[in-house]
N, C-alpha and C. Protein backbone atom coordinates (compact mmCIF):
# COMPACT_ATOMS: atom_id res chain seq x y z
N UNK A 1 -1.80 6.97 7.79
CA UNK A 1 -1.49 5.80 6.98
C UNK A 1 0.01 5.51 7.01
N UNK A 2 0.79 6.58 6.95
CA UNK A 2 2.25 6.40 6.91
C UNK A 2 2.79 5.69 8.13
N UNK A 3 2.28 6.06 9.30
CA UNK A 3 2.73 5.41 10.53
C UNK A 3 2.34 3.94 10.55
N UNK A 4 1.17 3.63 10.02
CA UNK A 4 0.72 2.24 9.95
C UNK A 4 1.61 1.43 9.02
N UNK A 5 1.92 1.98 7.85
CA UNK A 5 2.80 1.29 6.90
C UNK A 5 4.20 1.11 7.48
N UNK A 6 4.67 2.11 8.21
CA UNK A 6 5.99 2.01 8.84
C UNK A 6 6.00 0.89 9.87
N UNK A 7 4.94 0.79 10.66
CA UNK A 7 4.85 -0.28 11.66
C UNK A 7 4.82 -1.66 11.04
N UNK A 8 4.02 -1.82 9.99
CA UNK A 8 3.97 -3.11 9.28
C UNK A 8 5.34 -3.48 8.73
N UNK A 9 6.02 -2.49 8.17
CA UNK A 9 7.33 -2.73 7.54
C UNK A 9 8.37 -3.16 8.56
N UNK A 10 8.31 -2.60 9.76
CA UNK A 10 9.32 -2.90 10.77
C UNK A 10 9.16 -4.28 11.39
N UNK A 11 7.92 -4.76 11.50
CA UNK A 11 7.72 -6.05 12.18
C UNK A 11 7.46 -7.20 11.20
N UNK A 12 7.30 -6.88 9.92
CA UNK A 12 7.07 -7.93 8.93
C UNK A 12 5.64 -8.44 8.91
N UNK A 13 4.71 -7.61 9.35
CA UNK A 13 3.30 -8.03 9.36
C UNK A 13 2.66 -7.79 8.00
N UNK A 14 1.51 -8.43 7.81
CA UNK A 14 0.71 -8.20 6.61
C UNK A 14 -0.44 -7.28 6.99
N UNK A 15 -0.76 -6.37 6.10
CA UNK A 15 -1.88 -5.47 6.32
C UNK A 15 -2.84 -5.54 5.15
N UNK A 16 -4.12 -5.67 5.43
CA UNK A 16 -5.13 -5.66 4.38
C UNK A 16 -6.04 -4.46 4.63
N UNK A 17 -6.05 -3.56 3.68
CA UNK A 17 -6.82 -2.33 3.80
C UNK A 17 -8.09 -2.48 2.97
N UNK A 18 -9.22 -2.54 3.67
CA UNK A 18 -10.52 -2.78 3.03
C UNK A 18 -11.09 -1.46 2.50
N UNK A 19 -11.76 -1.56 1.36
CA UNK A 19 -12.41 -0.38 0.73
C UNK A 19 -11.40 0.75 0.56
N UNK A 20 -10.24 0.40 0.05
CA UNK A 20 -9.13 1.35 -0.09
C UNK A 20 -9.51 2.54 -0.96
N UNK A 21 -10.37 2.32 -1.94
CA UNK A 21 -10.72 3.40 -2.86
C UNK A 21 -11.72 4.40 -2.27
N UNK A 22 -12.02 4.26 -1.00
CA UNK A 22 -12.85 5.27 -0.32
C UNK A 22 -12.01 6.45 0.16
N UNK A 23 -10.69 6.30 0.15
CA UNK A 23 -9.81 7.41 0.51
C UNK A 23 -9.85 8.47 -0.59
N UNK A 24 -9.59 9.70 -0.22
CA UNK A 24 -9.54 10.78 -1.21
C UNK A 24 -8.34 10.58 -2.12
N UNK A 25 -8.48 11.04 -3.37
CA UNK A 25 -7.42 10.83 -4.36
C UNK A 25 -6.10 11.45 -3.94
N UNK A 26 -6.12 12.60 -3.27
CA UNK A 26 -4.86 13.24 -2.85
C UNK A 26 -4.15 12.37 -1.80
N UNK A 27 -4.91 11.69 -0.96
CA UNK A 27 -4.32 10.80 0.04
C UNK A 27 -3.81 9.54 -0.63
N UNK A 28 -4.57 9.02 -1.59
CA UNK A 28 -4.12 7.83 -2.33
C UNK A 28 -2.79 8.07 -3.01
N UNK A 29 -2.60 9.26 -3.54
CA UNK A 29 -1.35 9.58 -4.22
C UNK A 29 -0.17 9.57 -3.25
N UNK A 30 -0.36 10.14 -2.06
CA UNK A 30 0.71 10.15 -1.05
C UNK A 30 1.02 8.74 -0.57
N UNK A 31 -0.02 7.94 -0.36
CA UNK A 31 0.16 6.56 0.10
C UNK A 31 0.89 5.73 -0.95
N UNK A 32 0.62 5.99 -2.22
CA UNK A 32 1.27 5.23 -3.29
C UNK A 32 2.78 5.42 -3.25
N UNK A 33 3.25 6.62 -2.92
CA UNK A 33 4.69 6.87 -2.82
C UNK A 33 5.30 6.06 -1.67
N UNK A 34 4.59 5.96 -0.56
CA UNK A 34 5.09 5.20 0.58
C UNK A 34 5.13 3.70 0.27
N UNK A 35 4.11 3.20 -0.39
CA UNK A 35 4.08 1.79 -0.76
C UNK A 35 5.17 1.49 -1.78
N UNK A 36 5.38 2.40 -2.73
CA UNK A 36 6.45 2.21 -3.71
C UNK A 36 7.80 2.13 -3.03
N UNK A 37 8.03 2.97 -2.03
CA UNK A 37 9.29 2.94 -1.29
C UNK A 37 9.49 1.58 -0.61
N UNK A 38 8.44 1.06 -0.01
CA UNK A 38 8.52 -0.25 0.65
C UNK A 38 8.78 -1.34 -0.37
N UNK A 39 8.06 -1.33 -1.48
CA UNK A 39 8.24 -2.37 -2.49
C UNK A 39 9.63 -2.33 -3.12
N UNK A 40 10.14 -1.14 -3.38
CA UNK A 40 11.50 -1.03 -3.93
C UNK A 40 12.54 -1.55 -2.93
N UNK A 41 12.34 -1.22 -1.67
CA UNK A 41 13.24 -1.72 -0.64
C UNK A 41 13.25 -3.24 -0.58
N UNK A 42 12.07 -3.84 -0.73
CA UNK A 42 11.99 -5.30 -0.72
C UNK A 42 12.67 -5.90 -1.95
N UNK A 43 12.41 -5.32 -3.12
CA UNK A 43 13.00 -5.84 -4.36
C UNK A 43 14.52 -5.75 -4.34
N UNK A 44 15.03 -4.67 -3.77
CA UNK A 44 16.48 -4.45 -3.73
C UNK A 44 17.12 -5.02 -2.47
N UNK A 45 16.31 -5.71 -1.66
CA UNK A 45 16.76 -6.38 -0.45
C UNK A 45 17.49 -5.45 0.52
N UNK A 46 16.94 -4.24 0.70
CA UNK A 46 17.50 -3.31 1.67
C UNK A 46 17.05 -3.71 3.07
N UNK A 47 17.90 -3.49 4.04
CA UNK A 47 17.52 -3.78 5.43
C UNK A 47 16.88 -2.56 6.08
N UNK A 48 17.10 -1.38 5.50
CA UNK A 48 16.48 -0.15 5.99
C UNK A 48 16.02 0.70 4.82
N UNK A 49 14.94 1.46 5.05
CA UNK A 49 14.43 2.39 4.04
C UNK A 49 14.12 3.73 4.69
N UNK A 50 14.04 4.76 3.87
CA UNK A 50 13.65 6.09 4.35
C UNK A 50 12.15 6.24 4.09
N UNK A 51 11.37 6.27 5.15
CA UNK A 51 9.92 6.40 5.04
C UNK A 51 9.47 7.55 5.92
N UNK A 52 8.80 8.52 5.33
CA UNK A 52 8.32 9.70 6.05
C UNK A 52 9.45 10.48 6.72
N UNK A 53 10.59 10.52 6.06
CA UNK A 53 11.70 11.31 6.58
C UNK A 53 12.53 10.66 7.66
N UNK A 54 12.30 9.39 7.94
CA UNK A 54 13.13 8.71 8.94
C UNK A 54 13.50 7.31 8.46
N UNK A 55 14.64 6.86 8.93
CA UNK A 55 15.12 5.52 8.58
C UNK A 55 14.38 4.48 9.43
N UNK A 56 13.81 3.49 8.77
CA UNK A 56 13.17 2.40 9.50
C UNK A 56 13.72 1.08 9.00
N UNK A 57 13.71 0.09 9.87
CA UNK A 57 14.12 -1.26 9.51
C UNK A 57 13.03 -1.86 8.63
N UNK A 58 13.45 -2.52 7.57
CA UNK A 58 12.51 -3.16 6.65
C UNK A 58 12.59 -4.67 6.81
N UNK A 59 11.53 -5.26 7.32
CA UNK A 59 11.44 -6.71 7.49
C UNK A 59 10.97 -7.31 6.17
N UNK A 60 11.61 -8.39 5.73
CA UNK A 60 11.31 -8.93 4.40
C UNK A 60 10.00 -9.72 4.31
N UNK A 61 9.28 -9.87 5.40
CA UNK A 61 7.99 -10.57 5.35
C UNK A 61 6.78 -9.65 5.23
N UNK A 62 7.00 -8.34 5.17
CA UNK A 62 5.89 -7.39 5.11
C UNK A 62 5.05 -7.63 3.85
N UNK A 63 3.74 -7.50 4.00
CA UNK A 63 2.82 -7.63 2.86
C UNK A 63 1.72 -6.60 2.97
N UNK A 64 1.40 -5.98 1.85
CA UNK A 64 0.35 -4.96 1.82
C UNK A 64 -0.68 -5.37 0.78
N UNK A 65 -1.92 -5.46 1.23
CA UNK A 65 -3.02 -5.89 0.36
C UNK A 65 -4.15 -4.88 0.48
N UNK A 66 -4.90 -4.71 -0.60
CA UNK A 66 -6.04 -3.79 -0.56
C UNK A 66 -7.26 -4.47 -1.17
N UNK A 67 -8.42 -4.05 -0.71
CA UNK A 67 -9.68 -4.46 -1.35
C UNK A 67 -10.40 -3.19 -1.77
N UNK A 68 -11.22 -3.32 -2.79
CA UNK A 68 -12.00 -2.17 -3.24
C UNK A 68 -13.23 -2.64 -3.98
N UNK A 69 -14.24 -1.81 -3.95
CA UNK A 69 -15.48 -2.07 -4.67
C UNK A 69 -15.71 -0.91 -5.63
N UNK A 70 -15.18 -1.02 -6.85
CA UNK A 70 -15.32 0.09 -7.79
C UNK A 70 -16.77 0.26 -8.25
N UNK A 71 -17.10 1.47 -8.62
CA UNK A 71 -18.42 1.72 -9.18
C UNK A 71 -19.46 2.17 -8.18
N UNK A 72 -19.19 2.06 -6.90
CA UNK A 72 -20.15 2.52 -5.89
C UNK A 72 -19.99 4.02 -5.67
N UNK A 73 -21.05 4.65 -5.23
CA UNK A 73 -21.01 6.08 -4.96
C UNK A 73 -20.02 6.36 -3.82
N UNK A 74 -19.27 7.44 -3.96
CA UNK A 74 -18.31 7.83 -2.94
C UNK A 74 -16.97 7.14 -3.05
N UNK A 75 -16.76 6.37 -4.10
CA UNK A 75 -15.48 5.68 -4.30
C UNK A 75 -14.65 6.45 -5.32
N UNK A 76 -13.35 6.49 -5.12
CA UNK A 76 -12.43 7.13 -6.05
C UNK A 76 -11.84 6.09 -6.98
N UNK A 77 -11.40 6.53 -8.12
CA UNK A 77 -10.61 5.66 -8.98
C UNK A 77 -9.18 5.70 -8.47
N UNK A 78 -8.52 4.55 -8.50
CA UNK A 78 -7.13 4.53 -8.06
C UNK A 78 -6.26 5.22 -9.10
N UNK A 79 -5.32 6.07 -8.66
CA UNK A 79 -4.38 6.66 -9.61
C UNK A 79 -3.55 5.56 -10.27
N UNK A 80 -3.12 5.79 -11.51
CA UNK A 80 -2.37 4.78 -12.26
C UNK A 80 -1.10 4.35 -11.54
N UNK A 81 -0.43 5.30 -10.87
CA UNK A 81 0.80 4.92 -10.18
C UNK A 81 0.52 3.98 -9.01
N UNK A 82 -0.68 4.04 -8.43
CA UNK A 82 -1.05 3.13 -7.34
C UNK A 82 -1.53 1.80 -7.90
N UNK A 83 -2.27 1.83 -8.99
CA UNK A 83 -2.74 0.59 -9.62
C UNK A 83 -1.58 -0.32 -10.00
N UNK A 84 -0.50 0.28 -10.46
CA UNK A 84 0.64 -0.50 -10.93
C UNK A 84 1.36 -1.23 -9.80
N UNK A 85 1.09 -0.86 -8.55
CA UNK A 85 1.78 -1.49 -7.41
C UNK A 85 1.10 -2.75 -6.92
N UNK A 86 -0.10 -3.04 -7.43
CA UNK A 86 -0.87 -4.19 -6.95
C UNK A 86 -1.32 -5.06 -8.11
N UNK A 87 -1.46 -6.33 -7.84
CA UNK A 87 -1.99 -7.27 -8.81
C UNK A 87 -3.50 -7.35 -8.57
N UNK A 88 -4.28 -7.16 -9.63
CA UNK A 88 -5.73 -7.15 -9.44
C UNK A 88 -6.36 -8.48 -9.84
N UNK A 89 -7.46 -8.77 -9.21
CA UNK A 89 -8.28 -9.91 -9.59
C UNK A 89 -9.71 -9.62 -9.15
N UNK A 90 -10.65 -10.29 -9.77
CA UNK A 90 -12.06 -10.05 -9.47
C UNK A 90 -12.66 -11.30 -8.83
N UNK A 91 -13.62 -11.07 -7.96
CA UNK A 91 -14.34 -12.17 -7.31
C UNK A 91 -15.82 -11.98 -7.57
N UNK A 92 -16.52 -13.06 -7.83
CA UNK A 92 -17.95 -12.99 -8.06
C UNK A 92 -18.65 -14.07 -7.23
N UNK A 93 -19.89 -13.87 -6.97
CA UNK A 93 -20.68 -14.87 -6.25
C UNK A 93 -20.94 -16.04 -7.19
N UNK A 94 -20.69 -17.26 -6.74
CA UNK A 94 -20.90 -18.42 -7.64
C UNK A 94 -22.38 -18.63 -7.96
């Protein structure tokens, strides 16, 4: 995941991670730290950030989005520190 986030950050691409809550909670916690680093870098308008122990260029167009289907078997609850990094909304069938 870290290499993928680093690549998105360097080129300014958007990434949408589907069924994000299917990852194990220990992995979600590690990913949340990487996403927080990217978001802080964007807010503070840094041109470079330290991600996974190396300096990478931070492109200001990077976007990270997640989808999840809570309540299904095999899904984890998102840790609070990860929930706070995303804006949530619900979609229903009309």
